[in-house]
C-alpha atoms as a PDB file:
ATOM      1  CA  MET A   1     110.798 100.352  78.731  1.00  0.00           C
ATOM      2  CA  GLU A   2     108.150 100.190  76.023  1.00  0.00           C
ATOM      3  CA  LEU A   3     107.292  96.570  76.889  1.00  0.00           C
ATOM      4  CA  ALA A   4     106.946  97.377  80.583  1.00  0.00           C
ATOM      5  CA  SER A   5     104.589 100.208  79.727  1.00  0.00           C
ATOM      6  CA  SER A   6     102.482  97.901  77.540  1.00  0.00           C
ATOM      7  CA  PHE A   7     102.380  95.288  80.298  1.00  0.00           C
ATOM      8  CA  ASN A   8     101.252  97.840  82.893  1.00  0.00           C
ATOM      9  CA  THR A   9      98.519  99.089  80.565  1.00  0.00           C
ATOM     10  CA  MET A  10      97.383  95.537  79.820  1.00  0.00           C
ATOM     11  CA  CYS A  11      97.319  94.523  83.492  1.00  0.00           C
ATOM     12  CA  LYS A  12      95.374  97.630  84.430  1.00  0.00           C
ATOM     13  CA  SER A  13      92.728  96.882  81.806  1.00  0.00           C
ATOM     14  CA  PHE A  14      92.418  93.287  83.038  1.00  0.00           C
ATOM     15  CA  ASN A  15      92.325  94.387  86.672  1.00  0.00           C
ATOM     16  CA  ASP A  16      89.515  96.799  85.825  1.00  0.00           C
ATOM     17  CA  ASN A  17      87.417  93.932  84.448  1.00  0.00           C
ATOM     18  CA  SER A  18      85.858  91.662  87.084  1.00  0.00           C
ATOM     19  CA  GLN A  19      85.395  88.851  84.523  1.00  0.00           C
ATOM     20  CA  ILE A  20      89.119  88.452  83.756  1.00  0.00           C
ATOM     21  CA  GLY A  21      91.522  86.913  86.261  1.00  0.00           C
ATOM     22  CA  THR A  22      95.298  87.116  85.892  1.00  0.00           C
ATOM     23  CA  VAL A  23      97.924  84.458  86.583  1.00  0.00           C
ATOM     24  CA  SER A  24     101.706  84.549  86.419  1.00  0.00           C
ATOM     25  CA  THR A  25     102.638  80.887  85.947  1.00  0.00           C
ATOM     26  CA  PHE A  26     101.491  77.917  83.888  1.00  0.00           C
ATOM     27  CA  SER A  27     100.717  76.044  87.089  1.00  0.00           C
ATOM     28  CA  GLU A  28      98.402  78.850  88.221  1.00  0.00           C
ATOM     29  CA  LEU A  29      96.728  78.844  84.811  1.00  0.00           C
ATOM     30  CA  VAL A  30      96.033  75.117  84.986  1.00  0.00           C
ATOM     31  CA  HIS A  31      94.944  75.044  88.626  1.00  0.00           C
ATOM     32  CA  THR A  32      92.879  78.235  88.886  1.00  0.00           C
ATOM     33  CA  ASP A  33      89.136  77.630  88.892  1.00  0.00           C
ATOM     34  CA  PHE A  34      86.682  80.104  87.444  1.00  0.00           C
ATOM     35  CA  LYS A  35      84.678  81.604  90.315  1.00  0.00           C
ATOM     36  CA  GLY A  36      81.825  84.062  90.450  1.00  0.00           C
ATOM     37  CA  GLU A  37      82.022  86.460  87.518  1.00  0.00           C
ATOM     38  CA  VAL A  38      85.477  85.277  86.370  1.00  0.00           C
ATOM     39  CA  ASN A  39      85.145  83.498  83.021  1.00  0.00           C
ATOM     40  CA  ALA A  40      88.595  84.167  81.518  1.00  0.00           C
ATOM     41  CA  LEU A  41      92.228  84.081  82.642  1.00  0.00           C
ATOM     42  CA  CYS A  42      95.175  86.057  81.311  1.00  0.00           C
ATOM     43  CA  TRP A  43      98.722  84.710  81.603  1.00  0.00           C
ATOM     44  CA  PHE A  44     101.245  87.380  80.663  1.00  0.00           C
ATOM     45  CA  ARG A  45     104.629  86.056  79.552  1.00  0.00           C
ATOM     46  CA  ASN A  46     107.770  87.688  78.188  1.00  0.00           C
ATOM     47  CA  LEU A  47     108.540  85.671  75.072  1.00  0.00           C
ATOM     48  CA  GLU A  48     111.997  85.917  73.596  1.00  0.00           C
ATOM     49  CA  GLY A  49     112.202  86.557  69.903  1.00  0.00           C
ATOM     50  CA  ASN A  50     110.816  88.945  67.354  1.00  0.00           C
ATOM     51  CA  PHE A  51     107.059  88.390  67.178  1.00  0.00           C
END
């Protein structure tokens, strides 16, 4: 539950910023062009392990 809450908070902060786009796959990350104000992309991933 804690991770889901962190993800929702993170996504909301990125969605509130018109300069940051979000993607959900590596393919999207590679093939998404920066347009207009967007000058950064965020790719959220659930990594297994203890980081």
